Amino acid sequence: MNLKNKQEIVKAYGKNEKDTGSTAVQVAMMSQKISELTEHLKSNQKDFATKRGLLMMVGKRKRLLSYLKAQNLDEYRELIKKLGIRG
């Protein structure tokens, strides 16, 4: 994930261009990293350190999504629809 990708994610999910800390932006960035690591692990099955990092990121994203769901249900539903996660 490079700087250009991060700026695009902040523009798409943030309230303004410098909003990097909101829950929606954090979840979107983690989703991007998770998809990149998943692709890496498809060709490197024995990379256990990356697998552990991926599992920790998935757990953190899950916690952030549950927080967002408790705070603002409409924003949560909109975010998971945009990102295409949770079936």
N, C-alpha and C. Protein backbone atom coordinates (compact mmCIF):
# COMPACT_ATOMS: atom_id res chain seq x y z
N MET A 1 0.86 -1.16 0.00
CA MET A 1 0.00 0.00 0.00
C MET A 1 0.91 1.23 0.00
N ASN A 2 0.76 2.06 -1.02
CA ASN A 2 1.60 3.26 -1.10
C ASN A 2 0.81 4.51 -0.71
N LEU A 3 1.47 5.63 -0.73
CA LEU A 3 0.87 6.89 -0.29
C LEU A 3 -0.32 7.27 -1.15
N LYS A 4 -0.24 7.03 -2.44
CA LYS A 4 -1.34 7.39 -3.34
C LYS A 4 -2.61 6.59 -3.01
N ASN A 5 -2.44 5.30 -2.74
CA ASN A 5 -3.59 4.48 -2.37
C ASN A 5 -4.21 4.96 -1.07
N LYS A 6 -3.36 5.33 -0.10
CA LYS A 6 -3.87 5.81 1.18
C LYS A 6 -4.67 7.10 1.00
N GLN A 7 -4.16 8.01 0.18
CA GLN A 7 -4.86 9.27 -0.06
C GLN A 7 -6.21 9.04 -0.73
N GLU A 8 -6.26 8.08 -1.66
CA GLU A 8 -7.53 7.77 -2.32
C GLU A 8 -8.54 7.20 -1.32
N ILE A 9 -8.08 6.35 -0.44
CA ILE A 9 -8.97 5.77 0.58
C ILE A 9 -9.48 6.85 1.51
N VAL A 10 -8.60 7.77 1.92
CA VAL A 10 -9.02 8.86 2.81
C VAL A 10 -10.05 9.74 2.12
N LYS A 11 -9.86 10.02 0.84
CA LYS A 11 -10.84 10.83 0.10
C LYS A 11 -12.17 10.12 0.01
N ALA A 12 -12.15 8.81 -0.23
CA ALA A 12 -13.38 8.06 -0.42
C ALA A 12 -14.16 7.84 0.88
N TYR A 13 -13.46 7.58 1.98
CA TYR A 13 -14.15 7.19 3.22
C TYR A 13 -14.08 8.23 4.33
N GLY A 14 -13.20 9.22 4.22
CA GLY A 14 -13.04 10.20 5.27
C GLY A 14 -14.00 11.36 5.15
N LYS A 15 -14.09 12.13 6.21
CA LYS A 15 -14.96 13.31 6.21
C LYS A 15 -14.29 14.47 5.46
N ASN A 16 -12.94 14.51 5.50
CA ASN A 16 -12.18 15.48 4.71
C ASN A 16 -10.85 14.83 4.32
N GLU A 17 -9.97 15.59 3.68
CA GLU A 17 -8.74 15.00 3.15
C GLU A 17 -7.72 14.64 4.23
N LYS A 18 -7.85 15.21 5.41
CA LYS A 18 -6.91 14.92 6.48
C LYS A 18 -7.50 14.01 7.55
N ASP A 19 -8.64 13.43 7.30
CA ASP A 19 -9.32 12.57 8.26
C ASP A 19 -8.80 11.13 8.13
N THR A 20 -7.67 10.86 8.79
CA THR A 20 -7.10 9.52 8.71
C THR A 20 -7.45 8.67 9.92
N GLY A 21 -8.03 9.25 10.94
CA GLY A 21 -8.26 8.52 12.17
C GLY A 21 -9.66 8.02 12.38
N SER A 22 -10.59 8.40 11.52
CA SER A 22 -11.96 7.96 11.73
C SER A 22 -12.06 6.45 11.53
N THR A 23 -13.04 5.85 12.13
CA THR A 23 -13.18 4.41 12.10
C THR A 23 -13.35 3.89 10.68
N ALA A 24 -14.13 4.59 9.87
CA ALA A 24 -14.37 4.14 8.49
C ALA A 24 -13.08 4.11 7.69
N VAL A 25 -12.24 5.11 7.85
CA VAL A 25 -10.97 5.16 7.11
C VAL A 25 -10.04 4.06 7.59
N GLN A 26 -9.98 3.85 8.89
CA GLN A 26 -9.12 2.79 9.43
C GLN A 26 -9.55 1.42 8.92
N VAL A 27 -10.86 1.16 8.89
CA VAL A 27 -11.36 -0.13 8.41
C VAL A 27 -11.06 -0.29 6.93
N ALA A 28 -11.23 0.78 6.15
CA ALA A 28 -10.97 0.70 4.71
C ALA A 28 -9.49 0.43 4.44
N MET A 29 -8.60 1.09 5.17
CA MET A 29 -7.16 0.84 4.99
C MET A 29 -6.79 -0.58 5.39
N MET A 30 -7.36 -1.06 6.49
CA MET A 30 -7.08 -2.43 6.90
C MET A 30 -7.60 -3.43 5.89
N SER A 31 -8.75 -3.16 5.31
CA SER A 31 -9.30 -4.06 4.30
C SER A 31 -8.38 -4.14 3.09
N GLN A 32 -7.81 -3.01 2.70
CA GLN A 32 -6.86 -2.99 1.59
C GLN A 32 -5.62 -3.81 1.93
N LYS A 33 -5.08 -3.62 3.13
CA LYS A 33 -3.90 -4.38 3.54
C LYS A 33 -4.20 -5.87 3.65
N ILE A 34 -5.38 -6.19 4.15
CA ILE A 34 -5.78 -7.60 4.29
C ILE A 34 -5.85 -8.27 2.91
N SER A 35 -6.40 -7.58 1.93
CA SER A 35 -6.48 -8.18 0.60
C SER A 35 -5.08 -8.35 -0.01
N GLU A 36 -4.18 -7.41 0.24
CA GLU A 36 -2.81 -7.54 -0.26
C GLU A 36 -2.09 -8.71 0.40
N LEU A 37 -2.24 -8.85 1.70
CA LEU A 37 -1.59 -9.96 2.40
C LEU A 37 -2.19 -11.30 2.01
N THR A 38 -3.47 -11.32 1.73
CA THR A 38 -4.11 -12.56 1.30
C THR A 38 -3.52 -13.01 -0.03
N GLU A 39 -3.31 -12.08 -0.95
CA GLU A 39 -2.69 -12.41 -2.23
C GLU A 39 -1.27 -12.91 -2.02
N HIS A 40 -0.53 -12.30 -1.12
CA HIS A 40 0.85 -12.72 -0.82
C HIS A 40 0.87 -14.15 -0.29
N LEU A 41 -0.08 -14.46 0.59
CA LEU A 41 -0.09 -15.78 1.22
C LEU A 41 -0.54 -16.88 0.27
N LYS A 42 -1.21 -16.51 -0.83
CA LYS A 42 -1.59 -17.54 -1.80
C LYS A 42 -0.36 -18.14 -2.47
N SER A 43 0.68 -17.34 -2.66
CA SER A 43 1.89 -17.86 -3.29
C SER A 43 2.99 -18.20 -2.27
N ASN A 44 2.83 -17.80 -1.03
CA ASN A 44 3.81 -18.07 0.02
C ASN A 44 3.11 -18.70 1.23
N GLN A 45 2.72 -19.95 1.09
CA GLN A 45 1.93 -20.60 2.13
C GLN A 45 2.68 -20.77 3.45
N LYS A 46 4.00 -20.83 3.40
CA LYS A 46 4.77 -21.11 4.63
C LYS A 46 5.25 -19.84 5.33
N ASP A 47 4.75 -18.70 4.93
CA ASP A 47 5.14 -17.44 5.56
C ASP A 47 4.25 -17.23 6.79
N PHE A 48 4.65 -17.84 7.88
CA PHE A 48 3.81 -17.85 9.07
C PHE A 48 3.78 -16.51 9.79
N ALA A 49 4.84 -15.73 9.69
CA ALA A 49 4.85 -14.41 10.31
C ALA A 49 3.82 -13.50 9.66
N THR A 50 3.73 -13.56 8.35
CA THR A 50 2.73 -12.77 7.63
C THR A 50 1.32 -13.26 7.95
N LYS A 51 1.18 -14.57 8.07
CA LYS A 51 -0.13 -15.14 8.40
C LYS A 51 -0.60 -14.65 9.77
N ARG A 52 0.33 -14.61 10.72
CA ARG A 52 -0.01 -14.13 12.06
C ARG A 52 -0.42 -12.66 12.01
N GLY A 53 0.34 -11.85 11.27
CA GLY A 53 0.00 -10.44 11.11
C GLY A 53 -1.35 -10.25 10.47
N LEU A 54 -1.65 -11.08 9.48
CA LEU A 54 -2.95 -11.02 8.81
C LEU A 54 -4.08 -11.33 9.78
N LEU A 55 -3.91 -12.36 10.57
CA LEU A 55 -4.95 -12.72 11.54
C LEU A 55 -5.15 -11.63 12.59
N MET A 56 -4.06 -10.98 13.00
CA MET A 56 -4.20 -9.89 13.96
C MET A 56 -4.93 -8.71 13.33
N MET A 57 -4.65 -8.42 12.06
CA MET A 57 -5.34 -7.33 11.37
C MET A 57 -6.82 -7.61 11.22
N VAL A 58 -7.15 -8.85 10.89
CA VAL A 58 -8.56 -9.23 10.75
C VAL A 58 -9.28 -9.05 12.09
N GLY A 59 -8.63 -9.43 13.18
CA GLY A 59 -9.21 -9.25 14.52
C GLY A 59 -9.42 -7.78 14.86
N LYS A 60 -8.42 -6.96 14.53
CA LYS A 60 -8.55 -5.53 14.83
C LYS A 60 -9.65 -4.90 13.99
N ARG A 61 -9.74 -5.31 12.71
CA ARG A 61 -10.81 -4.78 11.86
C ARG A 61 -12.17 -5.19 12.41
N LYS A 62 -12.26 -6.41 12.91
CA LYS A 62 -13.51 -6.89 13.50
C LYS A 62 -13.91 -6.06 14.71
N ARG A 63 -12.92 -5.73 15.55
CA ARG A 63 -13.20 -4.91 16.73
C ARG A 63 -13.63 -3.49 16.34
N LEU A 64 -12.97 -2.92 15.33
CA LEU A 64 -13.35 -1.59 14.87
C LEU A 64 -14.76 -1.59 14.28
N LEU A 65 -15.09 -2.63 13.54
CA LEU A 65 -16.43 -2.71 12.96
C LEU A 65 -17.50 -2.87 14.05
N SER A 66 -17.21 -3.63 15.09
CA SER A 66 -18.19 -3.77 16.16
C SER A 66 -18.36 -2.45 16.91
N TYR A 67 -17.27 -1.69 17.06
CA TYR A 67 -17.35 -0.37 17.67
C TYR A 67 -18.22 0.55 16.81
N LEU A 68 -17.97 0.55 15.51
CA LEU A 68 -18.74 1.40 14.61
C LEU A 68 -20.21 1.01 14.61
N LYS A 69 -20.48 -0.28 14.69
CA LYS A 69 -21.86 -0.76 14.72
C LYS A 69 -22.58 -0.28 15.97
N ALA A 70 -21.87 -0.24 17.08
CA ALA A 70 -22.48 0.22 18.33
C ALA A 70 -22.70 1.73 18.32
N GLN A 71 -21.81 2.48 17.66
CA GLN A 71 -21.90 3.94 17.66
C GLN A 71 -22.89 4.47 16.61
N ASN A 72 -22.79 3.93 15.39
CA ASN A 72 -23.59 4.47 14.29
C ASN A 72 -23.93 3.34 13.33
N LEU A 73 -25.10 2.76 13.48
CA LEU A 73 -25.50 1.59 12.71
C LEU A 73 -25.62 1.90 11.22
N ASP A 74 -26.12 3.07 10.87
CA ASP A 74 -26.28 3.42 9.46
C ASP A 74 -24.93 3.53 8.76
N GLU A 75 -23.97 4.17 9.40
CA GLU A 75 -22.64 4.30 8.83
C GLU A 75 -21.97 2.93 8.69
N TYR A 76 -22.20 2.05 9.66
CA TYR A 76 -21.67 0.68 9.62
C TYR A 76 -22.20 -0.06 8.41
N ARG A 77 -23.51 -0.01 8.22
CA ARG A 77 -24.13 -0.71 7.09
C ARG A 77 -23.63 -0.18 5.75
N GLU A 78 -23.49 1.14 5.67
CA GLU A 78 -23.00 1.76 4.43
C GLU A 78 -21.56 1.34 4.15
N LEU A 79 -20.73 1.30 5.20
CA LEU A 79 -19.32 0.94 5.04
C LEU A 79 -19.15 -0.50 4.58
N ILE A 80 -19.86 -1.44 5.20
CA ILE A 80 -19.67 -2.83 4.79
C ILE A 80 -20.22 -3.07 3.39
N LYS A 81 -21.20 -2.29 3.00
CA LYS A 81 -21.71 -2.41 1.64
C LYS A 81 -20.68 -1.89 0.63
N LYS A 82 -20.05 -0.75 0.95
CA LYS A 82 -19.02 -0.18 0.07
C LYS A 82 -17.82 -1.09 -0.06
N LEU A 83 -17.40 -1.66 1.06
CA LEU A 83 -16.20 -2.49 1.06
C LEU A 83 -16.46 -3.91 0.57
N GLY A 84 -17.72 -4.33 0.60
CA GLY A 84 -18.04 -5.67 0.15
C GLY A 84 -17.60 -6.76 1.12
N ILE A 85 -17.68 -6.46 2.41
CA ILE A 85 -17.32 -7.46 3.41
C ILE A 85 -18.57 -7.91 4.17
N ARG A 86 -18.45 -8.97 4.91
CA ARG A 86 -19.55 -9.54 5.69
C ARG A 86 -20.69 -10.05 4.82
N GLY A 87 -20.34 -10.76 3.78
CA GLY A 87 -21.31 -11.46 2.93
C GLY A 87 -22.35 -10.62 2.36
